Amino acid sequence: MKKPLFLGACLMVLASQPVMAQTAAPDVIVVRVLEHSNSLRFSIARGQQQPEEIEVALKKEQKAASSYYTVLSKLYTQGYVLQGVIPGVSNNAYWAESTLILGKPITKP
């Protein structure tokens, strides 16, 4: 009696789909930052949606830091955390670019 029940339970487990295959795609956004000597531009891409563009005119170096803080804190309150940074290139001293990858942590049920 135990063997047929055990065999039936094993077959039922094999027939069910894995939990990871049933989860949705991870929620990831890409933030491209272009920093000029007088402006800071954020381009936020969320999947297939139109990218959100945020441009801030810079007057002081402290303004750049506060602009980074404002944009990143907005994304953190939406549940995103920094997953990685892709350093960009700078051909001269007037501009630099970098890419930030943010994602929402996957919660296990």
PDB file of N, CA and C in Angstrom:
ATOM      1  N   MET A   1       0.818  -1.196   0.000  1.00  0.00           N
ATOM      2  CA  MET A   1       0.000   0.000   0.000  1.00  0.00           C
ATOM      3  C   MET A   1       0.866   1.266   0.000  1.00  0.00           C
ATOM      4  N   LYS A   2       2.005   1.212   0.709  1.00  0.00           N
ATOM      5  CA  LYS A   2       2.864   2.387   0.782  1.00  0.00           C
ATOM      6  C   LYS A   2       3.551   2.655  -0.556  1.00  0.00           C
ATOM      7  N   LYS A   3       3.930   1.595  -1.265  1.00  0.00           N
ATOM      8  CA  LYS A   3       4.643   1.776  -2.525  1.00  0.00           C
ATOM      9  C   LYS A   3       3.782   2.475  -3.576  1.00  0.00           C
ATOM     10  N   PRO A   4       2.514   2.078  -3.784  1.00  0.00           N
ATOM     11  CA  PRO A   4       1.703   2.802  -4.784  1.00  0.00           C
ATOM     12  C   PRO A   4       1.475   4.274  -4.405  1.00  0.00           C
ATOM     13  N   LEU A   5       1.304   4.561  -3.106  1.00  0.00           N
ATOM     14  CA  LEU A   5       1.128   5.953  -2.687  1.00  0.00           C
ATOM     15  C   LEU A   5       2.403   6.758  -2.923  1.00  0.00           C
ATOM     16  N   PHE A   6       3.537   6.169  -2.586  1.00  0.00           N
ATOM     17  CA  PHE A   6       4.821   6.837  -2.788  1.00  0.00           C
ATOM     18  C   PHE A   6       5.072   7.063  -4.274  1.00  0.00           C
ATOM     19  N   LEU A   7       4.803   6.040  -5.093  1.00  0.00           N
ATOM     20  CA  LEU A   7       4.980   6.160  -6.538  1.00  0.00           C
ATOM     21  C   LEU A   7       4.046   7.225  -7.115  1.00  0.00           C
ATOM     22  N   GLY A   8       2.804   7.265  -6.649  1.00  0.00           N
ATOM     23  CA  GLY A   8       1.850   8.280  -7.108  1.00  0.00           C
ATOM     24  C   GLY A   8       2.292   9.684  -6.728  1.00  0.00           C
ATOM     25  N   ALA A   9       2.827   9.840  -5.503  1.00  0.00           N
ATOM     26  CA  ALA A   9       3.311  11.151  -5.066  1.00  0.00           C
ATOM     27  C   ALA A   9       4.502  11.592  -5.904  1.00  0.00           C
ATOM     28  N   CYS A  10       5.415  10.667  -6.208  1.00  0.00           N
ATOM     29  CA  CYS A  10       6.577  11.002  -7.041  1.00  0.00           C
ATOM     30  C   CYS A  10       6.149  11.415  -8.442  1.00  0.00           C
ATOM     31  N   LEU A  11       5.202  10.711  -9.021  1.00  0.00           N
ATOM     32  CA  LEU A  11       4.723  11.061 -10.357  1.00  0.00           C
ATOM     33  C   LEU A  11       4.014  12.413 -10.359  1.00  0.00           C
ATOM     34  N   MET A  12       3.301  12.711  -9.294  1.00  0.00           N
ATOM     35  CA  MET A  12       2.614  13.994  -9.199  1.00  0.00           C
ATOM     36  C   MET A  12       3.625  15.148  -9.114  1.00  0.00           C
ATOM     37  N   VAL A  13       4.701  14.942  -8.362  1.00  0.00           N
ATOM     38  CA  VAL A  13       5.741  15.968  -8.259  1.00  0.00           C
ATOM     39  C   VAL A  13       6.422  16.171  -9.600  1.00  0.00           C
ATOM     40  N   LEU A  14       6.695  15.101 -10.316  1.00  0.00           N
ATOM     41  CA  LEU A  14       7.338  15.217 -11.622  1.00  0.00           C
ATOM     42  C   LEU A  14       6.431  15.888 -12.652  1.00  0.00           C
ATOM     43  N   ALA A  15       5.125  15.715 -12.519  1.00  0.00           N
ATOM     44  CA  ALA A  15       4.186  16.290 -13.473  1.00  0.00           C
ATOM     45  C   ALA A  15       3.961  17.784 -13.241  1.00  0.00           C
ATOM     46  N   SER A  16       4.198  18.269 -12.035  1.00  0.00           N
ATOM     47  CA  SER A  16       3.976  19.690 -11.749  1.00  0.00           C
ATOM     48  C   SER A  16       5.121  20.524 -12.307  1.00  0.00           C
ATOM     49  N   GLN A  17       4.832  21.802 -12.609  1.00  0.00           N
ATOM     50  CA  GLN A  17       5.854  22.693 -13.150  1.00  0.00           C
ATOM     51  C   GLN A  17       6.658  23.311 -12.014  1.00  0.00           C
ATOM     52  N   PRO A  18       7.935  23.562 -12.236  1.00  0.00           N
ATOM     53  CA  PRO A  18       8.746  24.190 -11.193  1.00  0.00           C
ATOM     54  C   PRO A  18       8.258  25.604 -10.870  1.00  0.00           C
ATOM     55  N   VAL A  19       8.471  26.033  -9.652  1.00  0.00           N
ATOM     56  CA  VAL A  19       8.008  27.342  -9.211  1.00  0.00           C
ATOM     57  C   VAL A  19       8.726  28.459  -9.953  1.00  0.00           C
ATOM     58  N   MET A  20      10.019  28.340 -10.183  1.00  0.00           N
ATOM     59  CA  MET A  20      10.764  29.399 -10.859  1.00  0.00           C
ATOM     60  C   MET A  20      10.267  29.617 -12.287  1.00  0.00           C
ATOM     61  N   ALA A  21       9.752  28.580 -12.924  1.00  0.00           N
ATOM     62  CA  ALA A  21       9.247  28.728 -14.282  1.00  0.00           C
ATOM     63  C   ALA A  21       7.927  29.492 -14.298  1.00  0.00           C
ATOM     64  N   GLN A  22       7.243  29.576 -13.172  1.00  0.00           N
ATOM     65  CA  GLN A  22       5.955  30.245 -13.105  1.00  0.00           C
ATOM     66  C   GLN A  22       6.072  31.703 -12.683  1.00  0.00           C
ATOM     67  N   THR A  23       7.240  32.150 -12.299  1.00  0.00           N
ATOM     68  CA  THR A  23       7.402  33.532 -11.862  1.00  0.00           C
ATOM     69  C   THR A  23       7.511  34.459 -13.064  1.00  0.00           C
ATOM     70  N   ALA A  24       7.195  35.719 -12.840  1.00  0.00           N
ATOM     71  CA  ALA A  24       7.279  36.721 -13.898  1.00  0.00           C
ATOM     72  C   ALA A  24       8.738  37.117 -14.120  1.00  0.00           C
ATOM     73  N   ALA A  25       8.956  37.795 -15.206  1.00  0.00           N
ATOM     74  CA  ALA A  25      10.307  38.270 -15.516  1.00  0.00           C
ATOM     75  C   ALA A  25      10.746  39.276 -14.455  1.00  0.00           C
ATOM     76  N   PRO A  26      12.034  39.339 -14.152  1.00  0.00           N
ATOM     77  CA  PRO A  26      12.496  40.285 -13.132  1.00  0.00           C
ATOM     78  C   PRO A  26      12.270  41.729 -13.577  1.00  0.00           C
ATOM     79  N   ASP A  27      11.975  42.578 -12.609  1.00  0.00           N
ATOM     80  CA  ASP A  27      11.715  43.985 -12.872  1.00  0.00           C
ATOM     81  C   ASP A  27      13.038  44.742 -12.831  1.00  0.00           C
ATOM     82  N   VAL A  28      13.568  45.067 -14.003  1.00  0.00           N
ATOM     83  CA  VAL A  28      14.884  45.697 -14.121  1.00  0.00           C
ATOM     84  C   VAL A  28      14.737  47.000 -14.900  1.00  0.00           C
ATOM     85  N   ILE A  29      15.469  48.027 -14.462  1.00  0.00           N
ATOM     86  CA  ILE A  29      15.529  49.272 -15.220  1.00  0.00           C
ATOM     87  C   ILE A  29      16.993  49.628 -15.460  1.00  0.00           C
ATOM     88  N   VAL A  30      17.220  50.364 -16.525  1.00  0.00           N
ATOM     89  CA  VAL A  30      18.566  50.802 -16.878  1.00  0.00           C
ATOM     90  C   VAL A  30      18.565  52.328 -16.881  1.00  0.00           C
ATOM     91  N   VAL A  31      19.499  52.909 -16.134  1.00  0.00           N
ATOM     92  CA  VAL A  31      19.611  54.365 -16.045  1.00  0.00           C
ATOM     93  C   VAL A  31      20.932  54.773 -16.691  1.00  0.00           C
ATOM     94  N   ARG A  32      20.841  55.512 -17.752  1.00  0.00           N
ATOM     95  CA  ARG A  32      22.029  56.019 -18.442  1.00  0.00           C
ATOM     96  C   ARG A  32      22.246  57.447 -17.976  1.00  0.00           C
ATOM     97  N   VAL A  33      23.434  57.740 -17.496  1.00  0.00           N
ATOM     98  CA  VAL A  33      23.749  59.068 -16.966  1.00  0.00           C
ATOM     99  C   VAL A  33      24.795  59.714 -17.866  1.00  0.00           C
ATOM    100  N   LEU A  34      24.480  60.892 -18.367  1.00  0.00           N
ATOM    101  CA  LEU A  34      25.411  61.675 -19.175  1.00  0.00           C
ATOM    102  C   LEU A  34      25.666  62.974 -18.419  1.00  0.00           C
ATOM    103  N   GLU A  35      26.898  63.153 -17.988  1.00  0.00           N
ATOM    104  CA  GLU A  35      27.247  64.315 -17.174  1.00  0.00           C
ATOM    105  C   GLU A  35      28.143  65.254 -17.978  1.00  0.00           C
ATOM    106  N   HIS A  36      27.599  66.430 -18.285  1.00  0.00           N
ATOM    107  CA  HIS A  36      28.359  67.487 -18.955  1.00  0.00           C
ATOM    108  C   HIS A  36      28.924  68.410 -17.889  1.00  0.00           C
ATOM    109  N   SER A  37      29.725  69.358 -18.308  1.00  0.00           N
ATOM    110  CA  SER A  37      30.268  70.320 -17.350  1.00  0.00           C
ATOM    111  C   SER A  37      29.185  71.244 -16.805  1.00  0.00           C
ATOM    112  N   ASN A  38      28.068  71.403 -17.543  1.00  0.00           N
ATOM    113  CA  ASN A  38      27.015  72.307 -17.085  1.00  0.00           C
ATOM    114  C   ASN A  38      25.636  71.664 -16.986  1.00  0.00           C
ATOM    115  N   SER A  39      25.516  70.352 -17.214  1.00  0.00           N
ATOM    116  CA  SER A  39      24.211  69.689 -17.102  1.00  0.00           C
ATOM    117  C   SER A  39      24.389  68.208 -16.782  1.00  0.00           C
ATOM    118  N   LEU A  40      23.324  67.647 -16.278  1.00  0.00           N
ATOM    119  CA  LEU A  40      23.288  66.233 -15.916  1.00  0.00           C
ATOM    120  C   LEU A  40      22.021  65.654 -16.520  1.00  0.00           C
ATOM    121  N   ARG A  41      22.154  64.571 -17.300  1.00  0.00           N
ATOM    122  CA  ARG A  41      20.992  63.997 -17.988  1.00  0.00           C
ATOM    123  C   ARG A  41      20.845  62.529 -17.622  1.00  0.00           C
ATOM    124  N   PHE A  42      19.651  62.170 -17.143  1.00  0.00           N
ATOM    125  CA  PHE A  42      19.314  60.792 -16.814  1.00  0.00           C
ATOM    126  C   PHE A  42      18.331  60.281 -17.855  1.00  0.00           C
ATOM    127  N   SER A  43      18.605  59.123 -18.412  1.00  0.00           N
ATOM    128  CA  SER A  43      17.682  58.455 -19.319  1.00  0.00           C
ATOM    129  C   SER A  43      17.322  57.122 -18.672  1.00  0.00           C
ATOM    130  N   ILE A  44      16.056  56.976 -18.254  1.00  0.00           N
ATOM    131  CA  ILE A  44      15.614  55.809 -17.496  1.00  0.00           C
ATOM    132  C   ILE A  44      14.763  54.926 -18.405  1.00  0.00           C
ATOM    133  N   ALA A  45      15.243  53.715 -18.691  1.00  0.00           N
ATOM    134  CA  ALA A  45      14.534  52.772 -19.560  1.00  0.00           C
ATOM    135  C   ALA A  45      13.898  51.684 -18.710  1.00  0.00           C
ATOM    136  N   ARG A  46      12.601  51.487 -18.907  1.00  0.00           N
ATOM    137  CA  ARG A  46      11.839  50.462 -18.189  1.00  0.00           C
ATOM    138  C   ARG A  46      11.204  49.518 -19.206  1.00  0.00           C
ATOM    139  N   GLY A  47      11.919  48.497 -19.593  1.00  0.00           N
ATOM    140  CA  GLY A  47      11.381  47.510 -20.532  1.00  0.00           C
ATOM    141  C   GLY A  47      11.068  48.130 -21.880  1.00  0.00           C
ATOM    142  N   GLN A  48       9.855  47.883 -22.374  1.00  0.00           N
ATOM    143  CA  GLN A  48       9.447  48.358 -23.693  1.00  0.00           C
ATOM    144  C   GLN A  48       8.837  49.754 -23.657  1.00  0.00           C
ATOM    145  N   GLN A  49       8.735  50.357 -22.470  1.00  0.00           N
ATOM    146  CA  GLN A  49       8.150  51.691 -22.355  1.00  0.00           C
ATOM    147  C   GLN A  49       9.086  52.750 -22.933  1.00  0.00           C
ATOM    148  N   GLN A  50       8.520  53.903 -23.207  1.00  0.00           N
ATOM    149  CA  GLN A  50       9.318  55.037 -23.678  1.00  0.00           C
ATOM    150  C   GLN A  50      10.253  55.479 -22.551  1.00  0.00           C
ATOM    151  N   PRO A  51      11.540  55.703 -22.836  1.00  0.00           N
ATOM    152  CA  PRO A  51      12.468  56.125 -21.777  1.00  0.00           C
ATOM    153  C   PRO A  51      12.063  57.464 -21.158  1.00  0.00           C
ATOM    154  N   GLU A  52      12.260  57.556 -19.856  1.00  0.00           N
ATOM    155  CA  GLU A  52      11.993  58.800 -19.130  1.00  0.00           C
ATOM    156  C   GLU A  52      13.280  59.623 -19.133  1.00  0.00           C
ATOM    157  N   GLU A  53      13.187  60.874 -19.542  1.00  0.00           N
ATOM    158  CA  GLU A  53      14.357  61.748 -19.625  1.00  0.00           C
ATOM    159  C   GLU A  53      14.275  62.807 -18.533  1.00  0.00           C
ATOM    160  N   ILE A  54      15.352  62.940 -17.756  1.00  0.00           N
ATOM    161  CA  ILE A  54      15.440  63.970 -16.723  1.00  0.00           C
ATOM    162  C   ILE A  54      16.739  64.730 -16.966  1.00  0.00           C
ATOM    163  N   GLU A  55      16.625  66.048 -17.159  1.00  0.00           N
ATOM    164  CA  GLU A  55      17.817  66.863 -17.371  1.00  0.00           C
ATOM    165  C   GLU A  55      17.850  67.980 -16.335  1.00  0.00           C
ATOM    166  N   VAL A  56      19.029  68.167 -15.732  1.00  0.00           N
ATOM    167  CA  VAL A  56      19.213  69.160 -14.680  1.00  0.00           C
ATOM    168  C   VAL A  56      20.380  70.057 -15.072  1.00  0.00           C
ATOM    169  N   ALA A  57      20.164  71.369 -15.017  1.00  0.00           N
ATOM    170  CA  ALA A  57      21.253  72.315 -15.271  1.00  0.00           C
ATOM    171  C   ALA A  57      22.104  72.418 -14.011  1.00  0.00           C
ATOM    172  N   LEU A  58      23.413  72.333 -14.182  1.00  0.00           N
ATOM    173  CA  LEU A  58      24.334  72.368 -13.043  1.00  0.00           C
ATOM    174  C   LEU A  58      24.940  73.758 -12.891  1.00  0.00           C
ATOM    175  N   LYS A  59      24.974  74.217 -11.639  1.00  0.00           N
ATOM    176  CA  LYS A  59      25.625  75.485 -11.338  1.00  0.00           C
ATOM    177  C   LYS A  59      26.808  75.282 -10.415  1.00  0.00           C
ATOM    178  N   LYS A  60      26.728  74.239  -9.587  1.00  0.00           N
ATOM    179  CA  LYS A  60      27.811  73.928  -8.655  1.00  0.00           C
ATOM    180  C   LYS A  60      27.999  72.420  -8.638  1.00  0.00           C
ATOM    181  N   GLU A  61      29.132  71.960  -8.154  1.00  0.00           N
ATOM    182  CA  GLU A  61      29.358  70.518  -8.050  1.00  0.00           C
ATOM    183  C   GLU A  61      28.416  69.879  -7.038  1.00  0.00           C
ATOM    184  N   GLN A  62      28.026  70.612  -6.004  1.00  0.00           N
ATOM    185  CA  GLN A  62      27.077  70.074  -5.037  1.00  0.00           C
ATOM    186  C   GLN A  62      25.728  69.806  -5.704  1.00  0.00           C
ATOM    187  N   LYS A  63      25.404  70.562  -6.723  1.00  0.00           N
ATOM    188  CA  LYS A  63      24.149  70.373  -7.433  1.00  0.00           C
ATOM    189  C   LYS A  63      24.121  69.008  -8.127  1.00  0.00           C
ATOM    190  N   ALA A  64      25.252  68.564  -8.676  1.00  0.00           N
ATOM    191  CA  ALA A  64      25.307  67.251  -9.321  1.00  0.00           C
ATOM    192  C   ALA A  64      25.036  66.157  -8.304  1.00  0.00           C
ATOM    193  N   ALA A  65      25.645  66.252  -7.140  1.00  0.00           N
ATOM    194  CA  ALA A  65      25.438  65.234  -6.109  1.00  0.00           C
ATOM    195  C   ALA A  65      23.991  65.216  -5.643  1.00  0.00           C
ATOM    196  N   SER A  66      23.389  66.385  -5.467  1.00  0.00           N
ATOM    197  CA  SER A  66      21.994  66.412  -5.022  1.00  0.00           C
ATOM    198  C   SER A  66      21.058  65.899  -6.113  1.00  0.00           C
ATOM    199  N   SER A  67      21.410  66.101  -7.379  1.00  0.00           N
ATOM    200  CA  SER A  67      20.588  65.569  -8.475  1.00  0.00           C
ATOM    201  C   SER A  67      20.654  64.049  -8.517  1.00  0.00           C
ATOM    202  N   TYR A  68      21.851  63.491  -8.336  1.00  0.00           N
ATOM    203  CA  TYR A  68      21.974  62.040  -8.238  1.00  0.00           C
ATOM    204  C   TYR A  68      21.125  61.523  -7.083  1.00  0.00           C
ATOM    205  N   TYR A  69      21.209  62.190  -5.952  1.00  0.00           N
ATOM    206  CA  TYR A  69      20.459  61.774  -4.762  1.00  0.00           C
ATOM    207  C   TYR A  69      18.957  61.798  -5.025  1.00  0.00           C
ATOM    208  N   THR A  70      18.467  62.860  -5.654  1.00  0.00           N
ATOM    209  CA  THR A  70      17.034  62.990  -5.917  1.00  0.00           C
ATOM    210  C   THR A  70      16.527  61.874  -6.825  1.00  0.00           C
ATOM    211  N   VAL A  71      17.223  61.626  -7.921  1.00  0.00           N
ATOM    212  CA  VAL A  71      16.771  60.611  -8.884  1.00  0.00           C
ATOM    213  C   VAL A  71      16.872  59.208  -8.284  1.00  0.00           C
ATOM    214  N   LEU A  72      17.999  58.889  -7.645  1.00  0.00           N
ATOM    215  CA  LEU A  72      18.173  57.541  -7.094  1.00  0.00           C
ATOM    216  C   LEU A  72      17.259  57.282  -5.905  1.00  0.00           C
ATOM    217  N   SER A  73      17.000  58.290  -5.078  1.00  0.00           N
ATOM    218  CA  SER A  73      16.092  58.065  -3.949  1.00  0.00           C
ATOM    219  C   SER A  73      14.669  57.828  -4.436  1.00  0.00           C
ATOM    220  N   LYS A  74      14.281  58.472  -5.541  1.00  0.00           N
ATOM    221  CA  LYS A  74      12.964  58.221  -6.137  1.00  0.00           C
ATOM    222  C   LYS A  74      12.852  56.756  -6.585  1.00  0.00           C
ATOM    223  N   LEU A  75      13.915  56.245  -7.196  1.00  0.00           N
ATOM    224  CA  LEU A  75      13.899  54.853  -7.653  1.00  0.00           C
ATOM    225  C   LEU A  75      13.950  53.880  -6.474  1.00  0.00           C
ATOM    226  N   TYR A  76      14.698  54.229  -5.427  1.00  0.00           N
ATOM    227  CA  TYR A  76      14.757  53.368  -4.240  1.00  0.00           C
ATOM    228  C   TYR A  76      13.401  53.284  -3.553  1.00  0.00           C
ATOM    229  N   THR A  77      12.658  54.386  -3.506  1.00  0.00           N
ATOM    230  CA  THR A  77      11.331  54.345  -2.883  1.00  0.00           C
ATOM    231  C   THR A  77      10.355  53.506  -3.705  1.00  0.00           C
ATOM    232  N   GLN A  78      10.630  53.331  -4.994  1.00  0.00           N
ATOM    233  CA  GLN A  78       9.802  52.460  -5.830  1.00  0.00           C
ATOM    234  C   GLN A  78      10.178  50.991  -5.661  1.00  0.00           C
ATOM    235  N   GLY A  79      11.208  50.713  -4.845  1.00  0.00           N
ATOM    236  CA  GLY A  79      11.592  49.334  -4.565  1.00  0.00           C
ATOM    237  C   GLY A  79      12.795  48.828  -5.335  1.00  0.00           C
ATOM    238  N   TYR A  80      13.424  49.673  -6.133  1.00  0.00           N
ATOM    239  CA  TYR A  80      14.587  49.256  -6.909  1.00  0.00           C
ATOM    240  C   TYR A  80      15.857  49.366  -6.071  1.00  0.00           C
ATOM    241  N   VAL A  81      16.787  48.456  -6.309  1.00  0.00           N
ATOM    242  CA  VAL A  81      18.101  48.504  -5.663  1.00  0.00           C
ATOM    243  C   VAL A  81      19.163  48.419  -6.762  1.00  0.00           C
ATOM    244  N   LEU A  82      20.310  49.004  -6.482  1.00  0.00           N
ATOM    245  CA  LEU A  82      21.395  49.017  -7.455  1.00  0.00           C
ATOM    246  C   LEU A  82      21.965  47.611  -7.612  1.00  0.00           C
ATOM    247  N   GLN A  83      21.979  47.109  -8.842  1.00  0.00           N
ATOM    248  CA  GLN A  83      22.490  45.771  -9.129  1.00  0.00           C
ATOM    249  C   GLN A  83      23.878  45.818  -9.758  1.00  0.00           C
ATOM    250  N   GLY A  84      24.170  46.891 -10.492  1.00  0.00           N
ATOM    251  CA  GLY A  84      25.470  46.973 -11.141  1.00  0.00           C
ATOM    252  C   GLY A  84      25.694  48.321 -11.791  1.00  0.00           C
ATOM    253  N   VAL A  85      26.949  48.589 -12.086  1.00  0.00           N
ATOM    254  CA  VAL A  85      27.347  49.838 -12.740  1.00  0.00           C
ATOM    255  C   VAL A  85      28.241  49.480 -13.923  1.00  0.00           C
ATOM    256  N   ILE A  86      27.938  50.065 -15.067  1.00  0.00           N
ATOM    257  CA  ILE A  86      28.787  49.902 -16.242  1.00  0.00           C
ATOM    258  C   ILE A  86      29.478  51.241 -16.457  1.00  0.00           C
ATOM    259  N   PRO A  87      30.778  51.315 -16.183  1.00  0.00           N
ATOM    260  CA  PRO A  87      31.461  52.601 -16.350  1.00  0.00           C
ATOM    261  C   PRO A  87      31.525  52.990 -17.818  1.00  0.00           C
ATOM    262  N   GLY A  88      31.336  54.260 -18.062  1.00  0.00           N
ATOM    263  CA  GLY A  88      31.374  54.751 -19.432  1.00  0.00           C
ATOM    264  C   GLY A  88      32.730  55.320 -19.776  1.00  0.00           C
ATOM    265  N   VAL A  89      32.760  55.981 -20.891  1.00  0.00           N
ATOM    266  CA  VAL A  89      34.004  56.585 -21.357  1.00  0.00           C
ATOM    267  C   VAL A  89      33.849  58.097 -21.380  1.00  0.00           C
ATOM    268  N   SER A  90      34.967  58.772 -21.377  1.00  0.00           N
ATOM    269  CA  SER A  90      34.986  60.220 -21.492  1.00  0.00           C
ATOM    270  C   SER A  90      36.122  60.591 -22.437  1.00  0.00           C
ATOM    271  N   ASN A  91      35.763  61.222 -23.543  1.00  0.00           N
ATOM    272  CA  ASN A  91      36.788  61.609 -24.517  1.00  0.00           C
ATOM    273  C   ASN A  91      37.493  62.902 -24.146  1.00  0.00           C
ATOM    274  N   ASN A  92      36.865  63.687 -23.288  1.00  0.00           N
ATOM    275  CA  ASN A  92      37.486  64.940 -22.870  1.00  0.00           C
ATOM    276  C   ASN A  92      37.047  65.255 -21.444  1.00  0.00           C
ATOM    277  N   ALA A  93      37.465  66.383 -20.952  1.00  0.00           N
ATOM    278  CA  ALA A  93      37.172  66.747 -19.558  1.00  0.00           C
ATOM    279  C   ALA A  93      35.790  67.357 -19.389  1.00  0.00           C
ATOM    280  N   TYR A  94      35.006  67.482 -20.461  1.00  0.00           N
ATOM    281  CA  TYR A  94      33.731  68.181 -20.376  1.00  0.00           C
ATOM    282  C   TYR A  94      32.524  67.270 -20.209  1.00  0.00           C
ATOM    283  N   TRP A  95      32.656  65.984 -20.464  1.00  0.00           N
ATOM    284  CA  TRP A  95      31.515  65.089 -20.289  1.00  0.00           C
ATOM    285  C   TRP A  95      31.981  63.694 -19.908  1.00  0.00           C
ATOM    286  N   ALA A  96      31.088  62.981 -19.245  1.00  0.00           N
ATOM    287  CA  ALA A  96      31.330  61.587 -18.862  1.00  0.00           C
ATOM    288  C   ALA A  96      29.989  60.870 -18.867  1.00  0.00           C
ATOM    289  N   GLU A  97      30.021  59.574 -19.139  1.00  0.00           N
ATOM    290  CA  GLU A  97      28.780  58.807 -19.131  1.00  0.00           C
ATOM    291  C   GLU A  97      28.979  57.516 -18.356  1.00  0.00           C
ATOM    292  N   SER A  98      27.889  57.033 -17.793  1.00  0.00           N
ATOM    293  CA  SER A  98      27.905  55.746 -17.103  1.00  0.00           C
ATOM    294  C   SER A  98      26.491  55.180 -17.139  1.00  0.00           C
ATOM    295  N   THR A  99      26.375  53.893 -16.846  1.00  0.00           N
ATOM    296  CA  THR A  99      25.091  53.210 -16.866  1.00  0.00           C
ATOM    297  C   THR A  99      24.889  52.506 -15.539  1.00  0.00           C
ATOM    298  N   LEU A 100      23.716  52.705 -14.948  1.00  0.00           N
ATOM    299  CA  LEU A 100      23.347  52.056 -13.695  1.00  0.00           C
ATOM    300  C   LEU A 100      22.258  51.035 -13.986  1.00  0.00           C
ATOM    301  N   ILE A 101      22.382  49.849 -13.420  1.00  0.00           N
ATOM    302  CA  ILE A 101      21.370  48.808 -13.574  1.00  0.00           C
ATOM    303  C   ILE A 101      20.723  48.602 -12.213  1.00  0.00           C
ATOM    304  N   LEU A 102      19.413  48.810 -12.156  1.00  0.00           N
ATOM    305  CA  LEU A 102      18.670  48.658 -10.915  1.00  0.00           C
ATOM    306  C   LEU A 102      17.595  47.602 -11.109  1.00  0.00           C
ATOM    307  N   GLY A 103      17.287  46.882 -10.066  1.00  0.00           N
ATOM    308  CA  GLY A 103      16.256  45.862 -10.133  1.00  0.00           C
ATOM    309  C   GLY A 103      15.548  45.724  -8.808  1.00  0.00           C
ATOM    310  N   LYS A 104      14.375  45.129  -8.867  1.00  0.00           N
ATOM    311  CA  LYS A 104      13.639  44.842  -7.639  1.00  0.00           C
ATOM    312  C   LYS A 104      14.046  43.456  -7.166  1.00  0.00           C
ATOM    313  N   PRO A 105      14.282  43.307  -5.860  1.00  0.00           N
ATOM    314  CA  PRO A 105      14.661  41.986  -5.350  1.00  0.00           C
ATOM    315  C   PRO A 105      13.531  40.980  -5.567  1.00  0.00           C
ATOM    316  N   ILE A 106      13.900  39.758  -5.906  1.00  0.00           N
ATOM    317  CA  ILE A 106      12.916  38.693  -6.098  1.00  0.00           C
ATOM    318  C   ILE A 106      12.559  38.142  -4.732  1.00  0.00           C
ATOM    319  N   THR A 107      11.282  38.205  -4.412  1.00  0.00           N
ATOM    320  CA  THR A 107      10.824  37.678  -3.126  1.00  0.00           C
ATOM    321  C   THR A 107      10.309  36.265  -3.328  1.00  0.00           C
ATOM    322  N   LYS A 108      10.671  35.400  -2.423  1.00  0.00           N
ATOM    323  CA  LYS A 108      10.224  34.011  -2.499  1.00  0.00           C
ATOM    324  C   LYS A 108       8.891  33.880  -1.773  1.00  0.00           C
ATOM    325  N   PRO A 109       7.954  33.131  -2.363  1.00  0.00           N
ATOM    326  CA  PRO A 109       6.634  32.988  -1.728  1.00  0.00           C
ATOM    327  C   PRO A 109       6.687  32.169  -0.464  1.00  0.00           C
TER     328      PRO A 109
END
